Amino acid sequence: MGFPVFNLVMGAIAGYYFGIKIVYQNIPLIKIESIKKNIPLITGIVMLLICISTGLIAMFEKTLGAELQGMFGLRFEVTRGMIIAIIIIGGMTLIVSQYYLTKIVIIKTIKLHISLVNNAL
């Protein structure tokens, strides 16, 4: 099982790529709004799929509770309910974070590169 937090980097990369593409390909304003809405949605859906797959792997791991207990030196037993709560809360947090991270990176990249282009002129 893996914790998919590092997959957030891919959303930032996608946001940066599409921000650069918007600036240097002179995309019309109508399409820009569509890109700024759709790309974060797509990266959020990809994160959803990643979270579902890692969550399913975690659910079928019979010794996960004991492994977490030993790994973190916990003095209490990690129950199946706790694992399910971690999967749901952690997954939702990652999906929402991916959506907003991608959106923010697109907007910041556009602003940065438009100012760079204007300063170069």
N, C-alpha and C. Protein backbone atom coordinates (compact mmCIF):
# COMPACT_ATOMS: atom_id res chain seq x y z
N MET A 1 0.85 -1.18 0.00
CA MET A 1 0.00 0.00 0.00
C MET A 1 0.89 1.23 0.00
N GLY A 2 0.44 2.25 -0.66
CA GLY A 2 1.17 3.51 -0.66
C GLY A 2 0.23 4.64 -0.32
N PHE A 3 0.78 5.70 0.20
CA PHE A 3 -0.01 6.88 0.50
C PHE A 3 0.14 7.84 -0.67
N PRO A 4 -0.95 8.18 -1.34
CA PRO A 4 -0.86 8.91 -2.62
C PRO A 4 -0.61 10.41 -2.50
N VAL A 5 -0.07 10.88 -1.38
CA VAL A 5 0.13 12.33 -1.21
C VAL A 5 1.12 12.89 -2.24
N PHE A 6 2.08 12.10 -2.65
CA PHE A 6 3.08 12.60 -3.60
C PHE A 6 2.50 12.78 -5.00
N ASN A 7 1.32 12.22 -5.24
CA ASN A 7 0.65 12.43 -6.53
C ASN A 7 0.14 13.85 -6.68
N LEU A 8 0.11 14.62 -5.61
CA LEU A 8 -0.26 16.03 -5.71
C LEU A 8 0.70 16.79 -6.63
N VAL A 9 1.93 16.33 -6.69
CA VAL A 9 2.93 16.98 -7.54
C VAL A 9 2.48 16.94 -9.01
N MET A 10 1.83 15.87 -9.40
CA MET A 10 1.39 15.75 -10.80
C MET A 10 0.33 16.80 -11.13
N GLY A 11 -0.53 17.14 -10.18
CA GLY A 11 -1.51 18.19 -10.41
C GLY A 11 -0.85 19.54 -10.57
N ALA A 12 0.19 19.79 -9.77
CA ALA A 12 0.93 21.05 -9.90
C ALA A 12 1.63 21.12 -11.26
N ILE A 13 2.18 20.01 -11.70
CA ILE A 13 2.84 19.98 -13.01
C ILE A 13 1.82 20.23 -14.12
N ALA A 14 0.65 19.61 -14.02
CA ALA A 14 -0.40 19.83 -15.02
C ALA A 14 -0.84 21.29 -15.03
N GLY A 15 -1.00 21.88 -13.85
CA GLY A 15 -1.37 23.29 -13.76
C GLY A 15 -0.33 24.20 -14.38
N TYR A 16 0.93 23.91 -14.14
CA TYR A 16 2.01 24.71 -14.71
C TYR A 16 2.02 24.57 -16.24
N TYR A 17 1.89 23.35 -16.72
CA TYR A 17 1.90 23.11 -18.16
C TYR A 17 0.78 23.88 -18.86
N PHE A 18 -0.43 23.77 -18.34
CA PHE A 18 -1.56 24.43 -18.99
C PHE A 18 -1.49 25.95 -18.82
N GLY A 19 -0.92 26.43 -17.71
CA GLY A 19 -0.71 27.88 -17.55
C GLY A 19 0.24 28.41 -18.62
N ILE A 20 1.34 27.70 -18.84
CA ILE A 20 2.31 28.08 -19.89
C ILE A 20 1.64 28.02 -21.26
N LYS A 21 0.89 26.98 -21.49
CA LYS A 21 0.22 26.80 -22.78
C LYS A 21 -0.74 27.96 -23.06
N ILE A 22 -1.49 28.38 -22.06
CA ILE A 22 -2.43 29.49 -22.21
C ILE A 22 -1.70 30.77 -22.61
N VAL A 23 -0.59 31.06 -21.95
CA VAL A 23 0.14 32.30 -22.21
C VAL A 23 0.80 32.30 -23.58
N TYR A 24 1.51 31.24 -23.92
CA TYR A 24 2.34 31.27 -25.12
C TYR A 24 1.63 30.81 -26.39
N GLN A 25 0.40 30.29 -26.28
CA GLN A 25 -0.32 29.90 -27.49
C GLN A 25 -1.50 30.84 -27.78
N ASN A 26 -1.57 31.95 -27.05
CA ASN A 26 -2.61 32.95 -27.27
C ASN A 26 -4.00 32.31 -27.39
N ILE A 27 -4.36 31.57 -26.41
CA ILE A 27 -5.65 30.88 -26.39
C ILE A 27 -6.75 31.91 -26.11
N PRO A 28 -7.89 31.83 -26.82
CA PRO A 28 -8.98 32.78 -26.60
C PRO A 28 -9.53 32.71 -25.17
N LEU A 29 -10.08 33.84 -24.71
CA LEU A 29 -10.56 33.96 -23.33
C LEU A 29 -11.62 32.92 -22.98
N ILE A 30 -12.49 32.60 -23.91
CA ILE A 30 -13.54 31.61 -23.65
C ILE A 30 -12.92 30.24 -23.36
N LYS A 31 -11.90 29.89 -24.11
CA LYS A 31 -11.23 28.61 -23.90
C LYS A 31 -10.41 28.61 -22.61
N ILE A 32 -9.86 29.77 -22.24
CA ILE A 32 -9.07 29.87 -21.01
C ILE A 32 -9.94 29.53 -19.81
N GLU A 33 -11.14 30.07 -19.77
CA GLU A 33 -12.05 29.79 -18.65
C GLU A 33 -12.40 28.30 -18.60
N SER A 34 -12.58 27.71 -19.77
CA SER A 34 -12.86 26.28 -19.83
C SER A 34 -11.69 25.46 -19.31
N ILE A 35 -10.49 25.84 -19.70
CA ILE A 35 -9.28 25.13 -19.24
C ILE A 35 -9.14 25.28 -17.73
N LYS A 36 -9.33 26.50 -17.21
CA LYS A 36 -9.18 26.73 -15.78
C LYS A 36 -10.22 25.98 -14.95
N LYS A 37 -11.31 25.59 -15.58
CA LYS A 37 -12.34 24.83 -14.87
C LYS A 37 -12.15 23.32 -15.05
N ASN A 38 -11.81 22.90 -16.27
CA ASN A 38 -11.77 21.47 -16.59
C ASN A 38 -10.50 20.76 -16.13
N ILE A 39 -9.35 21.39 -16.26
CA ILE A 39 -8.09 20.72 -15.90
C ILE A 39 -8.05 20.37 -14.41
N PRO A 40 -8.40 21.28 -13.49
CA PRO A 40 -8.45 20.88 -12.08
C PRO A 40 -9.46 19.75 -11.82
N LEU A 41 -10.56 19.77 -12.55
CA LEU A 41 -11.55 18.71 -12.40
C LEU A 41 -10.97 17.36 -12.83
N ILE A 42 -10.25 17.36 -13.93
CA ILE A 42 -9.62 16.12 -14.42
C ILE A 42 -8.57 15.61 -13.42
N THR A 43 -7.73 16.52 -12.91
CA THR A 43 -6.71 16.07 -11.96
C THR A 43 -7.36 15.57 -10.66
N GLY A 44 -8.48 16.18 -10.28
CA GLY A 44 -9.21 15.69 -9.11
C GLY A 44 -9.77 14.30 -9.33
N ILE A 45 -10.28 14.05 -10.53
CA ILE A 45 -10.82 12.72 -10.86
C ILE A 45 -9.70 11.68 -10.87
N VAL A 46 -8.55 12.05 -11.41
CA VAL A 46 -7.41 11.12 -11.41
C VAL A 46 -7.01 10.80 -9.97
N MET A 47 -6.99 11.84 -9.10
CA MET A 47 -6.66 11.59 -7.69
C MET A 47 -7.72 10.70 -7.04
N LEU A 48 -8.98 10.87 -7.41
CA LEU A 48 -10.04 10.00 -6.90
C LEU A 48 -9.75 8.54 -7.25
N LEU A 49 -9.37 8.29 -8.49
CA LEU A 49 -9.06 6.93 -8.92
C LEU A 49 -7.85 6.37 -8.18
N ILE A 50 -6.86 7.21 -7.97
CA ILE A 50 -5.67 6.77 -7.22
C ILE A 50 -6.06 6.43 -5.78
N CYS A 51 -6.87 7.29 -5.16
CA CYS A 51 -7.29 7.05 -3.78
C CYS A 51 -8.15 5.79 -3.66
N ILE A 52 -9.01 5.56 -4.63
CA ILE A 52 -9.83 4.33 -4.60
C ILE A 52 -8.94 3.10 -4.69
N SER A 53 -7.97 3.13 -5.60
CA SER A 53 -7.12 1.94 -5.75
C SER A 53 -6.26 1.70 -4.52
N THR A 54 -5.66 2.74 -3.95
CA THR A 54 -4.84 2.53 -2.76
C THR A 54 -5.71 2.18 -1.55
N GLY A 55 -6.93 2.73 -1.51
CA GLY A 55 -7.85 2.39 -0.43
C GLY A 55 -8.26 0.93 -0.48
N LEU A 56 -8.52 0.43 -1.68
CA LEU A 56 -8.87 -0.98 -1.84
C LEU A 56 -7.71 -1.88 -1.44
N ILE A 57 -6.52 -1.49 -1.82
CA ILE A 57 -5.34 -2.27 -1.42
C ILE A 57 -5.24 -2.31 0.10
N ALA A 58 -5.47 -1.16 0.74
CA ALA A 58 -5.39 -1.09 2.20
C ALA A 58 -6.47 -1.95 2.85
N MET A 59 -7.65 -1.97 2.27
CA MET A 59 -8.75 -2.73 2.86
C MET A 59 -8.50 -4.24 2.82
N PHE A 60 -7.76 -4.70 1.84
CA PHE A 60 -7.49 -6.14 1.72
C PHE A 60 -6.22 -6.55 2.47
N GLU A 61 -5.51 -5.59 3.02
CA GLU A 61 -4.30 -5.90 3.80
C GLU A 61 -4.73 -6.32 5.21
N LYS A 62 -4.50 -7.56 5.55
CA LYS A 62 -4.99 -8.10 6.82
C LYS A 62 -4.22 -7.58 8.03
N THR A 63 -2.96 -7.26 7.87
CA THR A 63 -2.13 -6.86 9.01
C THR A 63 -1.86 -5.35 9.05
N LEU A 64 -2.61 -4.56 8.32
CA LEU A 64 -2.34 -3.13 8.23
C LEU A 64 -2.44 -2.45 9.59
N GLY A 65 -3.45 -2.79 10.38
CA GLY A 65 -3.60 -2.19 11.70
C GLY A 65 -2.38 -2.43 12.58
N ALA A 66 -1.90 -3.66 12.60
CA ALA A 66 -0.72 -3.99 13.40
C ALA A 66 0.54 -3.30 12.86
N GLU A 67 0.62 -3.19 11.53
CA GLU A 67 1.77 -2.51 10.92
C GLU A 67 1.79 -1.03 11.29
N LEU A 68 0.63 -0.38 11.23
CA LEU A 68 0.55 1.04 11.60
C LEU A 68 0.85 1.23 13.08
N GLN A 69 0.35 0.32 13.90
CA GLN A 69 0.60 0.38 15.33
C GLN A 69 2.10 0.28 15.62
N GLY A 70 2.78 -0.65 14.97
CA GLY A 70 4.21 -0.80 15.18
C GLY A 70 5.02 0.33 14.56
N MET A 71 4.62 0.78 13.38
CA MET A 71 5.35 1.83 12.68
C MET A 71 5.36 3.14 13.46
N PHE A 72 4.22 3.49 14.03
CA PHE A 72 4.10 4.76 14.74
C PHE A 72 4.22 4.62 16.25
N GLY A 73 4.47 3.40 16.72
CA GLY A 73 4.62 3.17 18.16
C GLY A 73 3.37 3.50 18.95
N LEU A 74 2.22 3.17 18.40
CA LEU A 74 0.95 3.48 19.05
C LEU A 74 0.68 2.52 20.20
N ARG A 75 0.10 3.03 21.26
CA ARG A 75 -0.20 2.20 22.42
C ARG A 75 -1.62 1.65 22.38
N PHE A 76 -2.32 1.90 21.30
CA PHE A 76 -3.69 1.40 21.17
C PHE A 76 -3.78 0.60 19.87
N GLU A 77 -4.80 -0.23 19.82
CA GLU A 77 -5.01 -1.06 18.63
C GLU A 77 -5.66 -0.23 17.52
N VAL A 78 -5.13 -0.33 16.32
CA VAL A 78 -5.71 0.35 15.17
C VAL A 78 -6.79 -0.57 14.59
N THR A 79 -8.03 -0.11 14.71
CA THR A 79 -9.16 -0.94 14.28
C THR A 79 -9.46 -0.74 12.79
N ARG A 80 -10.27 -1.61 12.26
CA ARG A 80 -10.70 -1.52 10.86
C ARG A 80 -11.48 -0.22 10.62
N GLY A 81 -12.29 0.19 11.60
CA GLY A 81 -13.03 1.45 11.50
C GLY A 81 -12.11 2.66 11.39
N MET A 82 -11.02 2.63 12.16
CA MET A 82 -10.04 3.72 12.08
C MET A 82 -9.40 3.77 10.71
N ILE A 83 -9.08 2.61 10.17
CA ILE A 83 -8.46 2.54 8.84
C ILE A 83 -9.42 3.07 7.78
N ILE A 84 -10.70 2.71 7.88
CA ILE A 84 -11.69 3.20 6.93
C ILE A 84 -11.83 4.71 7.04
N ALA A 85 -11.85 5.23 8.27
CA ALA A 85 -11.95 6.68 8.47
C ALA A 85 -10.74 7.40 7.87
N ILE A 86 -9.56 6.84 8.06
CA ILE A 86 -8.34 7.44 7.49
C ILE A 86 -8.43 7.45 5.97
N ILE A 87 -8.89 6.35 5.41
CA ILE A 87 -9.01 6.26 3.95
C ILE A 87 -9.99 7.30 3.42
N ILE A 88 -11.14 7.42 4.05
CA ILE A 88 -12.17 8.35 3.57
C ILE A 88 -11.75 9.81 3.78
N ILE A 89 -11.35 10.15 5.00
CA ILE A 89 -10.97 11.53 5.29
C ILE A 89 -9.71 11.93 4.52
N GLY A 90 -8.72 11.05 4.53
CA GLY A 90 -7.48 11.34 3.80
C GLY A 90 -7.72 11.44 2.30
N GLY A 91 -8.53 10.55 1.76
CA GLY A 91 -8.83 10.57 0.33
C GLY A 91 -9.55 11.84 -0.08
N MET A 92 -10.57 12.22 0.68
CA MET A 92 -11.30 13.45 0.36
C MET A 92 -10.40 14.67 0.45
N THR A 93 -9.53 14.69 1.45
CA THR A 93 -8.58 15.81 1.60
C THR A 93 -7.65 15.88 0.39
N LEU A 94 -7.15 14.74 -0.04
CA LEU A 94 -6.26 14.72 -1.20
C LEU A 94 -6.96 15.15 -2.48
N ILE A 95 -8.19 14.72 -2.68
CA ILE A 95 -8.93 15.07 -3.90
C ILE A 95 -9.19 16.58 -3.95
N VAL A 96 -9.66 17.14 -2.85
CA VAL A 96 -9.93 18.58 -2.80
C VAL A 96 -8.62 19.37 -2.94
N SER A 97 -7.57 18.90 -2.29
CA SER A 97 -6.27 19.57 -2.39
C SER A 97 -5.74 19.55 -3.82
N GLN A 98 -5.91 18.42 -4.49
CA GLN A 98 -5.45 18.30 -5.88
C GLN A 98 -6.19 19.30 -6.77
N TYR A 99 -7.51 19.38 -6.60
CA TYR A 99 -8.32 20.30 -7.41
C TYR A 99 -7.83 21.74 -7.23
N TYR A 100 -7.74 22.19 -5.98
CA TYR A 100 -7.37 23.59 -5.74
C TYR A 100 -5.91 23.87 -6.04
N LEU A 101 -5.03 22.91 -5.79
CA LEU A 101 -3.62 23.11 -6.13
C LEU A 101 -3.44 23.31 -7.62
N THR A 102 -4.10 22.49 -8.42
CA THR A 102 -4.01 22.62 -9.88
C THR A 102 -4.55 23.97 -10.33
N LYS A 103 -5.69 24.36 -9.80
CA LYS A 103 -6.32 25.63 -10.17
C LYS A 103 -5.42 26.81 -9.80
N ILE A 104 -4.86 26.79 -8.60
CA ILE A 104 -3.99 27.87 -8.14
C ILE A 104 -2.72 27.95 -8.98
N VAL A 105 -2.13 26.81 -9.30
CA VAL A 105 -0.90 26.81 -10.11
C VAL A 105 -1.17 27.35 -11.51
N ILE A 106 -2.31 27.00 -12.10
CA ILE A 106 -2.66 27.54 -13.43
C ILE A 106 -2.73 29.06 -13.35
N ILE A 107 -3.46 29.60 -12.38
CA ILE A 107 -3.65 31.04 -12.27
C ILE A 107 -2.32 31.75 -11.99
N LYS A 108 -1.53 31.23 -11.06
CA LYS A 108 -0.24 31.86 -10.73
C LYS A 108 0.72 31.81 -11.91
N THR A 109 0.73 30.70 -12.65
CA THR A 109 1.61 30.57 -13.81
C THR A 109 1.23 31.58 -14.89
N ILE A 110 -0.06 31.74 -15.13
CA ILE A 110 -0.52 32.72 -16.12
C ILE A 110 -0.08 34.11 -15.71
N LYS A 111 -0.31 34.48 -14.46
CA LYS A 111 0.07 35.83 -13.99
C LYS A 111 1.57 36.05 -14.09
N LEU A 112 2.35 35.07 -13.68
CA LEU A 112 3.81 35.20 -13.71
C LEU A 112 4.32 35.37 -15.13
N HIS A 113 3.86 34.51 -16.02
CA HIS A 113 4.40 34.53 -17.39
C HIS A 113 3.87 35.71 -18.20
N ILE A 114 2.66 36.18 -17.91
CA ILE A 114 2.18 37.39 -18.59
C ILE A 114 3.03 38.58 -18.17
N SER A 115 3.38 38.67 -16.89
CA SER A 115 4.23 39.78 -16.45
C SER A 115 5.65 39.65 -17.03
N LEU A 116 6.14 38.44 -17.17
CA LEU A 116 7.46 38.25 -17.78
C LEU A 116 7.46 38.65 -19.25
N VAL A 117 6.38 38.29 -19.96
CA VAL A 117 6.26 38.63 -21.38
C VAL A 117 6.14 40.16 -21.52
N ASN A 118 5.34 40.80 -20.67
CA ASN A 118 5.18 42.25 -20.74
C ASN A 118 6.46 42.98 -20.40
N ASN A 119 7.23 42.48 -19.44
CA ASN A 119 8.51 43.11 -19.09
C ASN A 119 9.54 42.95 -20.19
N ALA A 120 9.46 41.85 -20.93
CA ALA A 120 10.43 41.61 -22.01
C ALA A 120 10.17 42.55 -23.19
N LEU A 121 8.93 43.01 -23.32
CA LEU A 121 8.60 43.92 -24.42
C LEU A 121 9.02 45.28 -24.05
